[in-house]
């Protein structure tokens, strides 16, 4: 479902000190078909798509934003970053090129919760 501004929930990412173990847990516990992958600036991680939502388990990093982080797909990363910044969000890093036309940036909302925005140019 898209919001009025065109954004939609794109992904949920999980941060882990042991991504392989956590990916195995979610495979066994709830059937997420998480498989190893590597692209762009992201090292080896585990990912899958289920009913249009991308799930990823990544190595813990301050740039992740938190243990579980929602990722919202937007059309224009710079415009969206400016908008959420003006509303009190703090960027944790500059946009990261993920390859295949994807760029992502992580924020903390005014309460300190992490979230990401991703632009996908197909």
PDB file of N, CA and C in Angstrom:
ATOM      1  N   UNK A   1       0.836  -1.165   0.000  1.00  0.00           N
ATOM      2  CA  UNK A   1       0.000   0.000   0.000  1.00  0.00           C
ATOM      3  C   UNK A   1       0.889   1.240   0.000  1.00  0.00           C
ATOM      4  N   UNK A   2       0.610   2.160  -0.895  1.00  0.00           N
ATOM      5  CA  UNK A   2       1.376   3.408  -0.958  1.00  0.00           C
ATOM      6  C   UNK A   2       0.679   4.506  -0.171  1.00  0.00           C
ATOM      7  N   UNK A   3       1.475   5.364   0.445  1.00  0.00           N
ATOM      8  CA  UNK A   3       0.954   6.524   1.155  1.00  0.00           C
ATOM      9  C   UNK A   3       0.697   7.643   0.165  1.00  0.00           C
ATOM     10  N   UNK A   4       0.113   8.732   0.635  1.00  0.00           N
ATOM     11  CA  UNK A   4      -0.208   9.860  -0.233  1.00  0.00           C
ATOM     12  C   UNK A   4       1.007  10.440  -0.925  1.00  0.00           C
ATOM     13  N   UNK A   5       2.187  10.374  -0.268  1.00  0.00           N
ATOM     14  CA  UNK A   5       3.395  10.926  -0.882  1.00  0.00           C
ATOM     15  C   UNK A   5       4.109   9.917  -1.771  1.00  0.00           C
ATOM     16  N   UNK A   6       3.522   8.743  -1.983  1.00  0.00           N
ATOM     17  CA  UNK A   6       4.121   7.739  -2.856  1.00  0.00           C
ATOM     18  C   UNK A   6       5.035   6.766  -2.157  1.00  0.00           C
ATOM     19  N   UNK A   7       5.270   6.934  -0.848  1.00  0.00           N
ATOM     20  CA  UNK A   7       6.153   6.001  -0.142  1.00  0.00           C
ATOM     21  C   UNK A   7       5.393   4.738   0.233  1.00  0.00           C
ATOM     22  N   UNK A   8       6.128   3.651   0.404  1.00  0.00           N
ATOM     23  CA  UNK A   8       5.522   2.392   0.820  1.00  0.00           C
ATOM     24  C   UNK A   8       6.535   1.615   1.638  1.00  0.00           C
ATOM     25  N   UNK A   9       6.030   0.699   2.487  1.00  0.00           N
ATOM     26  CA  UNK A   9       6.942  -0.165   3.224  1.00  0.00           C
ATOM     27  C   UNK A   9       7.627  -1.065   2.222  1.00  0.00           C
ATOM     28  N   UNK A  10       8.937  -1.049   2.221  1.00  0.00           N
ATOM     29  CA  UNK A  10       9.727  -1.811   1.265  1.00  0.00           C
ATOM     30  C   UNK A  10      10.408  -2.998   1.919  1.00  0.00           C
ATOM     31  N   UNK A  11      10.852  -2.824   3.176  1.00  0.00           N
ATOM     32  CA  UNK A  11      11.669  -3.871   3.792  1.00  0.00           C
ATOM     33  C   UNK A  11      11.670  -3.762   5.306  1.00  0.00           C
ATOM     34  N   UNK A  12      12.090  -4.850   5.937  1.00  0.00           N
ATOM     35  CA  UNK A  12      12.431  -4.878   7.350  1.00  0.00           C
ATOM     36  C   UNK A  12      13.821  -5.463   7.446  1.00  0.00           C
ATOM     37  N   UNK A  13      14.710  -4.760   8.130  1.00  0.00           N
ATOM     38  CA  UNK A  13      16.067  -5.257   8.298  1.00  0.00           C
ATOM     39  C   UNK A  13      16.317  -5.568   9.762  1.00  0.00           C
ATOM     40  N   UNK A  14      17.088  -6.612   9.989  1.00  0.00           N
ATOM     41  CA  UNK A  14      17.441  -7.055  11.326  1.00  0.00           C
ATOM     42  C   UNK A  14      18.943  -6.935  11.488  1.00  0.00           C
ATOM     43  N   UNK A  15      19.379  -6.383  12.594  1.00  0.00           N
ATOM     44  CA  UNK A  15      20.793  -6.231  12.899  1.00  0.00           C
ATOM     45  C   UNK A  15      21.213  -7.380  13.818  1.00  0.00           C
ATOM     46  N   UNK A  16      22.382  -7.958  13.567  1.00  0.00           N
ATOM     47  CA  UNK A  16      22.809  -9.110  14.360  1.00  0.00           C
ATOM     48  C   UNK A  16      24.325  -9.166  14.486  1.00  0.00           C
ATOM     49  N   UNK A  17      24.792  -9.623  15.656  1.00  0.00           N
ATOM     50  CA  UNK A  17      26.221  -9.884  15.822  1.00  0.00           C
ATOM     51  C   UNK A  17      26.602 -11.182  15.122  1.00  0.00           C
ATOM     52  N   UNK A  18      25.601 -12.034  14.844  1.00  0.00           N
ATOM     53  CA  UNK A  18      25.818 -13.309  14.154  1.00  0.00           C
ATOM     54  C   UNK A  18      24.706 -13.494  13.115  1.00  0.00           C
ATOM     55  N   UNK A  19      24.821 -12.806  11.956  1.00  0.00           N
ATOM     56  CA  UNK A  19      23.757 -12.849  10.958  1.00  0.00           C
ATOM     57  C   UNK A  19      23.391 -14.264  10.487  1.00  0.00           C
ATOM     58  N   UNK A  20      24.385 -15.140  10.363  1.00  0.00           N
ATOM     59  CA  UNK A  20      24.095 -16.499   9.912  1.00  0.00           C
ATOM     60  C   UNK A  20      23.166 -17.211  10.898  1.00  0.00           C
ATOM     61  N   UNK A  21      23.453 -17.055  12.187  1.00  0.00           N
ATOM     62  CA  UNK A  21      22.631 -17.698  13.223  1.00  0.00           C
ATOM     63  C   UNK A  21      21.219 -17.107  13.233  1.00  0.00           C
ATOM     64  N   UNK A  22      21.104 -15.776  13.149  1.00  0.00           N
ATOM     65  CA  UNK A  22      19.788 -15.152  13.182  1.00  0.00           C
ATOM     66  C   UNK A  22      18.982 -15.499  11.933  1.00  0.00           C
ATOM     67  N   UNK A  23      19.636 -15.552  10.774  1.00  0.00           N
ATOM     68  CA  UNK A  23      18.944 -15.947   9.544  1.00  0.00           C
ATOM     69  C   UNK A  23      18.418 -17.379   9.670  1.00  0.00           C
ATOM     70  N   UNK A  24      19.226 -18.263  10.235  1.00  0.00           N
ATOM     71  CA  UNK A  24      18.780 -19.648  10.441  1.00  0.00           C
ATOM     72  C   UNK A  24      17.576 -19.687  11.376  1.00  0.00           C
ATOM     73  N   UNK A  25      17.598 -18.861  12.422  1.00  0.00           N
ATOM     74  CA  UNK A  25      16.466 -18.811  13.350  1.00  0.00           C
ATOM     75  C   UNK A  25      15.189 -18.440  12.609  1.00  0.00           C
ATOM     76  N   UNK A  26      15.217 -17.362  11.825  1.00  0.00           N
ATOM     77  CA  UNK A  26      14.003 -16.919  11.130  1.00  0.00           C
ATOM     78  C   UNK A  26      13.586 -17.890  10.019  1.00  0.00           C
ATOM     79  N   UNK A  27      14.546 -18.583   9.413  1.00  0.00           N
ATOM     80  CA  UNK A  27      14.187 -19.634   8.453  1.00  0.00           C
ATOM     81  C   UNK A  27      13.412 -20.731   9.163  1.00  0.00           C
ATOM     82  N   UNK A  28      13.935 -21.187  10.310  1.00  0.00           N
ATOM     83  CA  UNK A  28      13.322 -22.300  11.040  1.00  0.00           C
ATOM     84  C   UNK A  28      12.067 -21.875  11.802  1.00  0.00           C
ATOM     85  N   UNK A  29      12.071 -20.688  12.383  1.00  0.00           N
ATOM     86  CA  UNK A  29      10.971 -20.252  13.243  1.00  0.00           C
ATOM     87  C   UNK A  29       9.723 -19.842  12.466  1.00  0.00           C
ATOM     88  N   UNK A  30       9.910 -19.077  11.385  1.00  0.00           N
ATOM     89  CA  UNK A  30       8.745 -18.566  10.658  1.00  0.00           C
ATOM     90  C   UNK A  30       8.785 -18.840   9.157  1.00  0.00           C
ATOM     91  N   UNK A  31       9.803 -19.559   8.693  1.00  0.00           N
ATOM     92  CA  UNK A  31       9.858 -19.959   7.296  1.00  0.00           C
ATOM     93  C   UNK A  31      10.344 -18.911   6.326  1.00  0.00           C
ATOM     94  N   UNK A  32      11.015 -17.848   6.805  1.00  0.00           N
ATOM     95  CA  UNK A  32      11.569 -16.873   5.865  1.00  0.00           C
ATOM     96  C   UNK A  32      12.690 -17.540   5.073  1.00  0.00           C
ATOM     97  N   UNK A  33      12.629 -17.522   3.759  1.00  0.00           N
ATOM     98  CA  UNK A  33      13.649 -18.192   2.947  1.00  0.00           C
ATOM     99  C   UNK A  33      14.923 -17.354   2.786  1.00  0.00           C
ATOM    100  N   UNK A  34      15.508 -16.935   3.902  1.00  0.00           N
ATOM    101  CA  UNK A  34      16.705 -16.088   3.883  1.00  0.00           C
ATOM    102  C   UNK A  34      17.896 -16.848   3.313  1.00  0.00           C
ATOM    103  N   UNK A  35      18.572 -16.218   2.347  1.00  0.00           N
ATOM    104  CA  UNK A  35      19.733 -16.832   1.693  1.00  0.00           C
ATOM    105  C   UNK A  35      20.862 -15.810   1.641  1.00  0.00           C
ATOM    106  N   UNK A  36      22.130 -16.276   1.641  1.00  0.00           N
ATOM    107  CA  UNK A  36      23.256 -15.342   1.583  1.00  0.00           C
ATOM    108  C   UNK A  36      23.268 -14.552   0.275  1.00  0.00           C
ATOM    109  N   UNK A  37      23.705 -13.294   0.381  1.00  0.00           N
ATOM    110  CA  UNK A  37      23.839 -12.439  -0.794  1.00  0.00           C
ATOM    111  C   UNK A  37      24.876 -11.364  -0.477  1.00  0.00           C
ATOM    112  N   UNK A  38      25.364 -10.704  -1.515  1.00  0.00           N
ATOM    113  CA  UNK A  38      26.294  -9.597  -1.365  1.00  0.00           C
ATOM    114  C   UNK A  38      26.130  -8.701  -2.579  1.00  0.00           C
ATOM    115  N   UNK A  39      25.986  -7.385  -2.332  1.00  0.00           N
ATOM    116  CA  UNK A  39      25.876  -6.432  -3.436  1.00  0.00           C
ATOM    117  C   UNK A  39      26.245  -5.050  -2.942  1.00  0.00           C
ATOM    118  N   UNK A  40      26.678  -4.212  -3.869  1.00  0.00           N
ATOM    119  CA  UNK A  40      27.032  -2.841  -3.542  1.00  0.00           C
ATOM    120  C   UNK A  40      27.986  -2.746  -2.365  1.00  0.00           C
ATOM    121  N   UNK A  41      27.724  -1.792  -1.491  1.00  0.00           N
ATOM    122  CA  UNK A  41      28.597  -1.527  -0.349  1.00  0.00           C
ATOM    123  C   UNK A  41      28.298  -2.430   0.842  1.00  0.00           C
ATOM    124  N   UNK A  42      27.312  -3.304   0.696  1.00  0.00           N
ATOM    125  CA  UNK A  42      26.938  -4.195   1.796  1.00  0.00           C
ATOM    126  C   UNK A  42      27.719  -5.492   1.676  1.00  0.00           C
ATOM    127  N   UNK A  43      28.299  -5.915   2.784  1.00  0.00           N
ATOM    128  CA  UNK A  43      29.004  -7.195   2.793  1.00  0.00           C
ATOM    129  C   UNK A  43      28.012  -8.341   2.747  1.00  0.00           C
ATOM    130  N   UNK A  44      28.516  -9.539   2.921  1.00  0.00           N
ATOM    131  CA  UNK A  44      27.649 -10.711   2.909  1.00  0.00           C
ATOM    132  C   UNK A  44      26.576 -10.562   3.988  1.00  0.00           C
ATOM    133  N   UNK A  45      25.349 -10.817   3.587  1.00  0.00           N
ATOM    134  CA  UNK A  45      24.192 -10.739   4.473  1.00  0.00           C
ATOM    135  C   UNK A  45      23.167 -11.755   3.983  1.00  0.00           C
ATOM    136  N   UNK A  46      22.033 -11.816   4.640  1.00  0.00           N
ATOM    137  CA  UNK A  46      20.995 -12.783   4.281  1.00  0.00           C
ATOM    138  C   UNK A  46      19.738 -12.009   3.929  1.00  0.00           C
ATOM    139  N   UNK A  47      19.072 -12.422   2.831  1.00  0.00           N
ATOM    140  CA  UNK A  47      17.904 -11.678   2.392  1.00  0.00           C
ATOM    141  C   UNK A  47      16.914 -12.562   1.655  1.00  0.00           C
ATOM    142  N   UNK A  48      15.673 -12.069   1.585  1.00  0.00           N
ATOM    143  CA  UNK A  48      14.621 -12.714   0.816  1.00  0.00           C
ATOM    144  C   UNK A  48      13.486 -11.726   0.626  1.00  0.00           C
ATOM    145  N   UNK A  49      12.587 -12.051  -0.267  1.00  0.00           N
ATOM    146  CA  UNK A  49      11.383 -11.251  -0.487  1.00  0.00           C
ATOM    147  C   UNK A  49      10.180 -12.142  -0.217  1.00  0.00           C
ATOM    148  N   UNK A  50       9.228 -11.621   0.555  1.00  0.00           N
ATOM    149  CA  UNK A  50       8.006 -12.354   0.868  1.00  0.00           C
ATOM    150  C   UNK A  50       6.835 -11.391   0.698  1.00  0.00           C
ATOM    151  N   UNK A  51       5.944 -11.710  -0.212  1.00  0.00           N
ATOM    152  CA  UNK A  51       4.743 -10.919  -0.481  1.00  0.00           C
ATOM    153  C   UNK A  51       5.060  -9.439  -0.663  1.00  0.00           C
ATOM    154  N   UNK A  52       6.095  -9.152  -1.433  1.00  0.00           N
ATOM    155  CA  UNK A  52       6.452  -7.784  -1.772  1.00  0.00           C
ATOM    156  C   UNK A  52       7.261  -7.039  -0.720  1.00  0.00           C
ATOM    157  N   UNK A  53       7.600  -7.693   0.386  1.00  0.00           N
ATOM    158  CA  UNK A  53       8.422  -7.069   1.422  1.00  0.00           C
ATOM    159  C   UNK A  53       9.781  -7.752   1.432  1.00  0.00           C
ATOM    160  N   UNK A  54      10.836  -6.957   1.417  1.00  0.00           N
ATOM    161  CA  UNK A  54      12.203  -7.471   1.452  1.00  0.00           C
ATOM    162  C   UNK A  54      12.624  -7.614   2.913  1.00  0.00           C
ATOM    163  N   UNK A  55      13.178  -8.764   3.281  1.00  0.00           N
ATOM    164  CA  UNK A  55      13.717  -9.005   4.611  1.00  0.00           C
ATOM    165  C   UNK A  55      15.220  -9.178   4.483  1.00  0.00           C
ATOM    166  N   UNK A  56      15.980  -8.589   5.420  1.00  0.00           N
ATOM    167  CA  UNK A  56      17.434  -8.725   5.391  1.00  0.00           C
ATOM    168  C   UNK A  56      17.965  -8.841   6.816  1.00  0.00           C
ATOM    169  N   UNK A  57      18.973  -9.685   6.980  1.00  0.00           N
ATOM    170  CA  UNK A  57      19.697  -9.811   8.247  1.00  0.00           C
ATOM    171  C   UNK A  57      21.123  -9.392   7.948  1.00  0.00           C
ATOM    172  N   UNK A  58      21.581  -8.327   8.636  1.00  0.00           N
ATOM    173  CA  UNK A  58      22.888  -7.744   8.378  1.00  0.00           C
ATOM    174  C   UNK A  58      23.740  -7.728   9.641  1.00  0.00           C
ATOM    175  N   UNK A  59      25.038  -7.629   9.455  1.00  0.00           N
ATOM    176  CA  UNK A  59      25.981  -7.519  10.565  1.00  0.00           C
ATOM    177  C   UNK A  59      25.708  -6.218  11.319  1.00  0.00           C
ATOM    178  N   UNK A  60      25.740  -6.290  12.644  1.00  0.00           N
ATOM    179  CA  UNK A  60      25.500  -5.113  13.487  1.00  0.00           C
ATOM    180  C   UNK A  60      26.425  -3.964  13.100  1.00  0.00           C
ATOM    181  N   UNK A  61      25.851  -2.748  13.088  1.00  0.00           N
ATOM    182  CA  UNK A  61      26.598  -1.548  12.749  1.00  0.00           C
ATOM    183  C   UNK A  61      25.854  -0.342  13.299  1.00  0.00           C
ATOM    184  N   UNK A  62      26.592   0.678  13.703  1.00  0.00           N
ATOM    185  CA  UNK A  62      25.962   1.916  14.158  1.00  0.00           C
ATOM    186  C   UNK A  62      25.145   2.569  13.043  1.00  0.00           C
ATOM    187  N   UNK A  63      25.478   2.251  11.798  1.00  0.00           N
ATOM    188  CA  UNK A  63      24.791   2.841  10.654  1.00  0.00           C
ATOM    189  C   UNK A  63      23.449   2.176  10.362  1.00  0.00           C
ATOM    190  N   UNK A  64      23.139   1.078  11.061  1.00  0.00           N
ATOM    191  CA  UNK A  64      21.893   0.357  10.809  1.00  0.00           C
ATOM    192  C   UNK A  64      20.674   1.082  11.363  1.00  0.00           C
ATOM    193  N   UNK A  65      20.804   1.753  12.489  1.00  0.00           N
ATOM    194  CA  UNK A  65      19.681   2.476  13.051  1.00  0.00           C
ATOM    195  C   UNK A  65      18.974   1.772  14.189  1.00  0.00           C
ATOM    196  N   UNK A  66      19.190   0.505  14.375  1.00  0.00           N
ATOM    197  CA  UNK A  66      18.545  -0.217  15.469  1.00  0.00           C
ATOM    198  C   UNK A  66      18.470  -1.700  15.187  1.00  0.00           C
ATOM    199  N   UNK A  67      17.951  -2.471  16.140  1.00  0.00           N
ATOM    200  CA  UNK A  67      17.918  -3.926  15.958  1.00  0.00           C
ATOM    201  C   UNK A  67      16.951  -4.372  14.863  1.00  0.00           C
ATOM    202  N   UNK A  68      15.807  -3.710  14.740  1.00  0.00           N
ATOM    203  CA  UNK A  68      14.851  -3.980  13.656  1.00  0.00           C
ATOM    204  C   UNK A  68      14.495  -2.626  13.058  1.00  0.00           C
ATOM    205  N   UNK A  69      14.689  -2.499  11.757  1.00  0.00           N
ATOM    206  CA  UNK A  69      14.538  -1.195  11.110  1.00  0.00           C
ATOM    207  C   UNK A  69      13.591  -1.304   9.913  1.00  0.00           C
ATOM    208  N   UNK A  70      12.497  -0.529   9.924  1.00  0.00           N
ATOM    209  CA  UNK A  70      11.649  -0.495   8.731  1.00  0.00           C
ATOM    210  C   UNK A  70      12.341   0.323   7.635  1.00  0.00           C
ATOM    211  N   UNK A  71      12.117  -0.090   6.398  1.00  0.00           N
ATOM    212  CA  UNK A  71      12.687   0.600   5.243  1.00  0.00           C
ATOM    213  C   UNK A  71      11.521   1.019   4.347  1.00  0.00           C
ATOM    214  N   UNK A  72      11.464   2.310   4.031  1.00  0.00           N
ATOM    215  CA  UNK A  72      10.395   2.842   3.206  1.00  0.00           C
ATOM    216  C   UNK A  72      10.923   3.175   1.819  1.00  0.00           C
ATOM    217  N   UNK A  73      10.229   2.668   0.802  1.00  0.00           N
ATOM    218  CA  UNK A  73      10.612   2.975  -0.577  1.00  0.00           C
ATOM    219  C   UNK A  73      10.034   4.332  -0.946  1.00  0.00           C
ATOM    220  N   UNK A  74      10.902   5.180  -1.494  1.00  0.00           N
ATOM    221  CA  UNK A  74      10.497   6.521  -1.893  1.00  0.00           C
ATOM    222  C   UNK A  74      10.983   6.770  -3.320  1.00  0.00           C
ATOM    223  N   UNK A  75      10.441   7.783  -3.952  1.00  0.00           N
ATOM    224  CA  UNK A  75      10.796   8.081  -5.341  1.00  0.00           C
ATOM    225  C   UNK A  75      12.032   8.956  -5.478  1.00  0.00           C
ATOM    226  N   UNK A  76      12.242   9.875  -4.533  1.00  0.00           N
ATOM    227  CA  UNK A  76      13.337  10.848  -4.636  1.00  0.00           C
ATOM    228  C   UNK A  76      14.033  10.928  -3.280  1.00  0.00           C
ATOM    229  N   UNK A  77      15.208  10.325  -3.179  1.00  0.00           N
ATOM    230  CA  UNK A  77      15.916  10.222  -1.907  1.00  0.00           C
ATOM    231  C   UNK A  77      16.277  11.591  -1.333  1.00  0.00           C
ATOM    232  N   UNK A  78      16.771  12.494  -2.159  1.00  0.00           N
ATOM    233  CA  UNK A  78      17.170  13.802  -1.653  1.00  0.00           C
ATOM    234  C   UNK A  78      15.969  14.582  -1.118  1.00  0.00           C
ATOM    235  N   UNK A  79      14.864  14.578  -1.856  1.00  0.00           N
ATOM    236  CA  UNK A  79      13.669  15.310  -1.416  1.00  0.00           C
ATOM    237  C   UNK A  79      13.118  14.708  -0.129  1.00  0.00           C
ATOM    238  N   UNK A  80      13.069  13.385  -0.049  1.00  0.00           N
ATOM    239  CA  UNK A  80      12.553  12.723   1.152  1.00  0.00           C
ATOM    240  C   UNK A  80      13.462  12.988   2.348  1.00  0.00           C
ATOM    241  N   UNK A  81      14.774  12.954   2.134  1.00  0.00           N
ATOM    242  CA  UNK A  81      15.728  13.214   3.217  1.00  0.00           C
ATOM    243  C   UNK A  81      15.571  14.646   3.735  1.00  0.00           C
ATOM    244  N   UNK A  82      15.391  15.590   2.833  1.00  0.00           N
ATOM    245  CA  UNK A  82      15.189  16.979   3.242  1.00  0.00           C
ATOM    246  C   UNK A  82      13.892  17.123   4.039  1.00  0.00           C
ATOM    247  N   UNK A  83      12.837  16.443   3.581  1.00  0.00           N
ATOM    248  CA  UNK A  83      11.544  16.534   4.266  1.00  0.00           C
ATOM    249  C   UNK A  83      11.626  15.959   5.676  1.00  0.00           C
ATOM    250  N   UNK A  84      12.165  14.738   5.842  1.00  0.00           N
ATOM    251  CA  UNK A  84      12.206  14.144   7.188  1.00  0.00           C
ATOM    252  C   UNK A  84      13.193  14.887   8.081  1.00  0.00           C
ATOM    253  N   UNK A  85      14.249  15.445   7.495  1.00  0.00           N
ATOM    254  CA  UNK A  85      15.188  16.265   8.272  1.00  0.00           C
ATOM    255  C   UNK A  85      14.521  17.512   8.815  1.00  0.00           C
ATOM    256  N   UNK A  86      13.677  18.118   8.006  1.00  0.00           N
ATOM    257  CA  UNK A  86      12.973  19.332   8.455  1.00  0.00           C
ATOM    258  C   UNK A  86      11.945  19.014   9.537  1.00  0.00           C
ATOM    259  N   UNK A  87      11.561  17.749   9.654  1.00  0.00           N
ATOM    260  CA  UNK A  87      10.585  17.330  10.657  1.00  0.00           C
ATOM    261  C   UNK A  87      11.241  16.764  11.912  1.00  0.00           C
ATOM    262  N   UNK A  88      12.582  16.828  11.975  1.00  0.00           N
ATOM    263  CA  UNK A  88      13.280  16.425  13.189  1.00  0.00           C
ATOM    264  C   UNK A  88      14.054  15.131  13.133  1.00  0.00           C
ATOM    265  N   UNK A  89      14.094  14.460  11.975  1.00  0.00           N
ATOM    266  CA  UNK A  89      14.892  13.242  11.850  1.00  0.00           C
ATOM    267  C   UNK A  89      16.368  13.603  11.662  1.00  0.00           C
ATOM    268  N   UNK A  90      17.246  12.719  12.124  1.00  0.00           N
ATOM    269  CA  UNK A  90      18.683  12.918  12.009  1.00  0.00           C
ATOM    270  C   UNK A  90      19.270  11.812  11.131  1.00  0.00           C
ATOM    271  N   UNK A  91      19.988  12.194  10.084  1.00  0.00           N
ATOM    272  CA  UNK A  91      20.631  11.210   9.213  1.00  0.00           C
ATOM    273  C   UNK A  91      21.835  10.604   9.924  1.00  0.00           C
ATOM    274  N   UNK A  92      21.993   9.284   9.821  1.00  0.00           N
ATOM    275  CA  UNK A  92      23.128   8.594  10.434  1.00  0.00           C
ATOM    276  C   UNK A  92      24.304   8.471   9.481  1.00  0.00           C
ATOM    277  N   UNK A  93      24.074   8.698   8.187  1.00  0.00           N
ATOM    278  CA  UNK A  93      25.140   8.616   7.183  1.00  0.00           C
ATOM    279  C   UNK A  93      24.649   9.244   5.889  1.00  0.00           C
ATOM    280  N   UNK A  94      25.566   9.463   4.985  1.00  0.00           N
ATOM    281  CA  UNK A  94      25.236   9.919   3.642  1.00  0.00           C
ATOM    282  C   UNK A  94      24.565   8.764   2.885  1.00  0.00           C
ATOM    283  N   UNK A  95      23.866   9.049   1.777  1.00  0.00           N
ATOM    284  CA  UNK A  95      23.277   7.959   0.994  1.00  0.00           C
ATOM    285  C   UNK A  95      24.332   6.921   0.588  1.00  0.00           C
ATOM    286  N   UNK A  96      23.952   5.649   0.689  1.00  0.00           N
ATOM    287  CA  UNK A  96      24.824   4.541   0.326  1.00  0.00           C
ATOM    288  C   UNK A  96      24.331   3.948  -0.981  1.00  0.00           C
ATOM    289  N   UNK A  97      25.239   3.815  -1.943  1.00  0.00           N
ATOM    290  CA  UNK A  97      24.926   3.170  -3.219  1.00  0.00           C
ATOM    291  C   UNK A  97      24.955   1.662  -3.010  1.00  0.00           C
ATOM    292  N   UNK A  98      23.837   0.984  -3.267  1.00  0.00           N
ATOM    293  CA  UNK A  98      23.759  -0.465  -3.088  1.00  0.00           C
ATOM    294  C   UNK A  98      23.957  -1.225  -4.384  1.00  0.00           C
ATOM    295  N   UNK A  99      24.033  -0.533  -5.486  1.00  0.00           N
ATOM    296  CA  UNK A  99      24.123  -1.184  -6.782  1.00  0.00           C
ATOM    297  C   UNK A  99      22.728  -1.423  -7.351  1.00  0.00           C
ATOM    298  N   UNK A 100      22.661  -1.762  -8.612  1.00  0.00           N
ATOM    299  CA  UNK A 100      21.397  -2.036  -9.294  1.00  0.00           C
ATOM    300  C   UNK A 100      20.396  -0.890  -9.160  1.00  0.00           C
ATOM    301  N   UNK A 101      20.885   0.362  -9.133  1.00  0.00           N
ATOM    302  CA  UNK A 101      20.005   1.523  -9.068  1.00  0.00           C
ATOM    303  C   UNK A 101      19.398   1.796  -7.705  1.00  0.00           C
ATOM    304  N   UNK A 102      19.949   1.188  -6.649  1.00  0.00           N
ATOM    305  CA  UNK A 102      19.398   1.374  -5.303  1.00  0.00           C
ATOM    306  C   UNK A 102      20.325   2.237  -4.456  1.00  0.00           C
ATOM    307  N   UNK A 103      19.715   3.181  -3.715  1.00  0.00           N
ATOM    308  CA  UNK A 103      20.434   4.006  -2.747  1.00  0.00           C
ATOM    309  C   UNK A 103      19.616   4.048  -1.467  1.00  0.00           C
ATOM    310  N   UNK A 104      20.308   4.055  -0.321  1.00  0.00           N
ATOM    311  CA  UNK A 104      19.622   4.022   0.966  1.00  0.00           C
ATOM    312  C   UNK A 104      20.269   5.000   1.934  1.00  0.00           C
ATOM    313  N   UNK A 105      19.458   5.525   2.850  1.00  0.00           N
ATOM    314  CA  UNK A 105      19.965   6.375   3.921  1.00  0.00           C
ATOM    315  C   UNK A 105      19.202   6.004   5.196  1.00  0.00           C
ATOM    316  N   UNK A 106      19.898   6.042   6.332  1.00  0.00           N
ATOM    317  CA  UNK A 106      19.315   5.681   7.622  1.00  0.00           C
ATOM    318  C   UNK A 106      19.156   6.927   8.481  1.00  0.00           C
ATOM    319  N   UNK A 107      18.035   6.991   9.188  1.00  0.00           N
ATOM    320  CA  UNK A 107      17.712   8.127  10.054  1.00  0.00           C
ATOM    321  C   UNK A 107      17.335   7.644  11.449  1.00  0.00           C
ATOM    322  N   UNK A 108      17.352   8.573  12.383  1.00  0.00           N
ATOM    323  CA  UNK A 108      16.699   8.405  13.683  1.00  0.00           C
ATOM    324  C   UNK A 108      15.552   9.414  13.719  1.00  0.00           C
ATOM    325  N   UNK A 109      14.364   8.935  14.109  1.00  0.00           N
ATOM    326  CA  UNK A 109      13.229   9.841  14.227  1.00  0.00           C
ATOM    327  C   UNK A 109      13.369  10.669  15.500  1.00  0.00           C
ATOM    328  N   UNK A 110      12.476  11.614  15.763  1.00  0.00           N
ATOM    329  CA  UNK A 110      12.616  12.463  16.953  1.00  0.00           C
ATOM    330  C   UNK A 110      12.640  11.692  18.280  1.00  0.00           C
ATOM    331  N   UNK A 111      12.145  10.447  18.308  1.00  0.00           N
ATOM    332  CA  UNK A 111      12.175   9.625  19.521  1.00  0.00           C
ATOM    333  C   UNK A 111      13.404   8.722  19.578  1.00  0.00           C
ATOM    334  N   UNK A 112      14.241   8.752  18.538  1.00  0.00           N
ATOM    335  CA  UNK A 112      15.457   7.942  18.516  1.00  0.00           C
ATOM    336  C   UNK A 112      15.329   6.609  17.805  1.00  0.00           C
ATOM    337  N   UNK A 113      14.157   6.310  17.237  1.00  0.00           N
ATOM    338  CA  UNK A 113      13.960   5.059  16.507  1.00  0.00           C
ATOM    339  C   UNK A 113      14.612   5.138  15.131  1.00  0.00           C
ATOM    340  N   UNK A 114      15.229   4.054  14.708  1.00  0.00           N
ATOM    341  CA  UNK A 114      15.845   4.025  13.389  1.00  0.00           C
ATOM    342  C   UNK A 114      14.854   3.674  12.300  1.00  0.00           C
ATOM    343  N   UNK A 115      15.040   4.279  11.141  1.00  0.00           N
ATOM    344  CA  UNK A 115      14.307   3.894   9.938  1.00  0.00           C
ATOM    345  C   UNK A 115      15.157   4.245   8.735  1.00  0.00           C
ATOM    346  N   UNK A 116      14.876   3.584   7.634  1.00  0.00           N
ATOM    347  CA  UNK A 116      15.628   3.821   6.400  1.00  0.00           C
ATOM    348  C   UNK A 116      14.687   4.217   5.281  1.00  0.00           C
ATOM    349  N   UNK A 117      15.250   4.907   4.303  1.00  0.00           N
ATOM    350  CA  UNK A 117      14.547   5.221   3.073  1.00  0.00           C
ATOM    351  C   UNK A 117      15.409   4.701   1.929  1.00  0.00           C
ATOM    352  N   UNK A 118      14.739   4.054   0.971  1.00  0.00           N
ATOM    353  CA  UNK A 118      15.456   3.501  -0.167  1.00  0.00           C
ATOM    354  C   UNK A 118      14.833   4.030  -1.462  1.00  0.00           C
ATOM    355  N   UNK A 119      15.702   4.398  -2.371  1.00  0.00           N
ATOM    356  CA  UNK A 119      15.296   4.813  -3.716  1.00  0.00           C
ATOM    357  C   UNK A 119      15.741   3.704  -4.659  1.00  0.00           C
ATOM    358  N   UNK A 120      14.821   3.226  -5.486  1.00  0.00           N
ATOM    359  CA  UNK A 120      15.141   2.156  -6.434  1.00  0.00           C
ATOM    360  C   UNK A 120      14.804   2.659  -7.829  1.00  0.00           C
ATOM    361  N   UNK A 121      15.820   2.867  -8.627  1.00  0.00           N
ATOM    362  CA  UNK A 121      15.637   3.298 -10.021  1.00  0.00           C
ATOM    363  C   UNK A 121      15.789   2.071 -10.904  1.00  0.00           C
ATOM    364  N   UNK A 122      14.704   1.627 -11.465  1.00  0.00           N
ATOM    365  CA  UNK A 122      14.735   0.407 -12.293  1.00  0.00           C
ATOM    366  C   UNK A 122      14.964   0.741 -13.743  1.00  0.00           C
TER     367      UNK A 122
END
